[in-house]
């Protein structure tokens, strides 16, 4: 996990809180905290999925070039 991974997760948390505020301007602290955690976790999972897909694509490309 590098610094860019953490930056991505923090950006996801901030984006989720901003989206909540756009939908519900009177959202409480608990709702904002839940949105931040969901955005943080969601960004991390999205990054893992993209990395896995990239690894799978590279593996497939390597197998195709050997054939």
C-alpha atoms as a PDB file:
ATOM      1  CA  UNK A   1       0.000   0.000   0.000  1.00  0.00           C
ATOM      2  CA  UNK A   2       1.516   3.197  -1.145  1.00  0.00           C
ATOM      3  CA  UNK A   3       0.699   6.797  -0.479  1.00  0.00           C
ATOM      4  CA  UNK A   4      -1.414   6.957  -3.640  1.00  0.00           C
ATOM      5  CA  UNK A   5      -3.589   4.124  -2.349  1.00  0.00           C
ATOM      6  CA  UNK A   6      -4.345   6.054   0.824  1.00  0.00           C
ATOM      7  CA  UNK A   7      -4.948   9.277  -1.100  1.00  0.00           C
ATOM      8  CA  UNK A   8      -7.484   7.448  -3.280  1.00  0.00           C
ATOM      9  CA  UNK A   9      -9.288   6.101  -0.241  1.00  0.00           C
ATOM     10  CA  UNK A  10      -9.406   9.533   1.411  1.00  0.00           C
ATOM     11  CA  UNK A  11     -10.741  11.076  -1.794  1.00  0.00           C
ATOM     12  CA  UNK A  12     -13.442   8.397  -1.855  1.00  0.00           C
ATOM     13  CA  UNK A  13     -14.418   9.252   1.708  1.00  0.00           C
ATOM     14  CA  UNK A  14     -14.573  12.976   0.987  1.00  0.00           C
ATOM     15  CA  UNK A  15     -16.608  12.396  -2.177  1.00  0.00           C
ATOM     16  CA  UNK A  16     -19.095  10.242  -0.278  1.00  0.00           C
ATOM     17  CA  UNK A  17     -19.572  12.876   2.419  1.00  0.00           C
ATOM     18  CA  UNK A  18     -20.014  15.614  -0.201  1.00  0.00           C
ATOM     19  CA  UNK A  19     -22.584  13.497  -2.031  1.00  0.00           C
ATOM     20  CA  UNK A  20     -24.478  12.945   1.226  1.00  0.00           C
ATOM     21  CA  UNK A  21     -24.505  16.674   1.911  1.00  0.00           C
ATOM     22  CA  UNK A  22     -25.907  17.328  -1.568  1.00  0.00           C
ATOM     23  CA  UNK A  23     -28.717  14.843  -0.958  1.00  0.00           C
ATOM     24  CA  UNK A  24     -29.401  15.742   2.688  1.00  0.00           C
ATOM     25  CA  UNK A  25     -28.064  19.090   3.820  1.00  0.00           C
ATOM     26  CA  UNK A  26     -29.216  18.398   7.398  1.00  0.00           C
ATOM     27  CA  UNK A  27     -27.378  15.075   7.698  1.00  0.00           C
ATOM     28  CA  UNK A  28     -26.082  14.346  11.164  1.00  0.00           C
ATOM     29  CA  UNK A  29     -22.581  13.473  12.266  1.00  0.00           C
ATOM     30  CA  UNK A  30     -23.343   9.753  12.370  1.00  0.00           C
ATOM     31  CA  UNK A  31     -24.623   9.761   8.781  1.00  0.00           C
ATOM     32  CA  UNK A  32     -21.555  11.679   7.608  1.00  0.00           C
ATOM     33  CA  UNK A  33     -19.263   9.265   9.421  1.00  0.00           C
ATOM     34  CA  UNK A  34     -21.027   6.291   7.846  1.00  0.00           C
ATOM     35  CA  UNK A  35     -20.717   7.887   4.403  1.00  0.00           C
ATOM     36  CA  UNK A  36     -17.012   8.538   4.964  1.00  0.00           C
ATOM     37  CA  UNK A  37     -16.368   4.941   5.992  1.00  0.00           C
ATOM     38  CA  UNK A  38     -18.362   3.624   3.041  1.00  0.00           C
ATOM     39  CA  UNK A  39     -16.495   5.881   0.628  1.00  0.00           C
ATOM     40  CA  UNK A  40     -13.127   4.905   2.111  1.00  0.00           C
ATOM     41  CA  UNK A  41     -13.871   1.187   1.913  1.00  0.00           C
ATOM     42  CA  UNK A  42     -15.504   1.484  -1.502  1.00  0.00           C
ATOM     43  CA  UNK A  43     -12.506   3.250  -3.008  1.00  0.00           C
ATOM     44  CA  UNK A  44     -10.188   0.582  -1.609  1.00  0.00           C
ATOM     45  CA  UNK A  45     -12.289  -2.262  -3.019  1.00  0.00           C
ATOM     46  CA  UNK A  46     -12.580  -0.536  -6.390  1.00  0.00           C
ATOM     47  CA  UNK A  47      -8.825  -0.138  -6.563  1.00  0.00           C
ATOM     48  CA  UNK A  48      -8.281  -3.805  -5.663  1.00  0.00           C
ATOM     49  CA  UNK A  49     -10.734  -4.859  -8.367  1.00  0.00           C
ATOM     50  CA  UNK A  50      -9.027  -2.720 -10.981  1.00  0.00           C
ATOM     51  CA  UNK A  51      -5.594  -4.045 -10.003  1.00  0.00           C
ATOM     52  CA  UNK A  52      -6.851  -7.632 -10.194  1.00  0.00           C
ATOM     53  CA  UNK A  53      -8.407  -7.009 -13.597  1.00  0.00           C
ATOM     54  CA  UNK A  54      -5.156  -5.432 -14.810  1.00  0.00           C
ATOM     55  CA  UNK A  55      -3.164  -8.429 -13.545  1.00  0.00           C
ATOM     56  CA  UNK A  56      -5.566 -10.827 -15.277  1.00  0.00           C
ATOM     57  CA  UNK A  57      -5.281  -8.861 -18.522  1.00  0.00           C
ATOM     58  CA  UNK A  58      -1.478  -8.927 -18.350  1.00  0.00           C
ATOM     59  CA  UNK A  59      -1.507 -12.672 -17.684  1.00  0.00           C
ATOM     60  CA  UNK A  60      -3.822 -13.247 -20.641  1.00  0.00           C
ATOM     61  CA  UNK A  61      -1.677 -11.075 -22.915  1.00  0.00           C
ATOM     62  CA  UNK A  62       1.416 -13.007 -21.867  1.00  0.00           C
ATOM     63  CA  UNK A  63      -0.262 -16.353 -22.629  1.00  0.00           C
ATOM     64  CA  UNK A  64      -1.418 -15.106 -26.035  1.00  0.00           C
ATOM     65  CA  UNK A  65       2.076 -13.954 -26.994  1.00  0.00           C
ATOM     66  CA  UNK A  66       3.559 -17.352 -26.073  1.00  0.00           C
ATOM     67  CA  UNK A  67       1.076 -19.272 -28.219  1.00  0.00           C
END
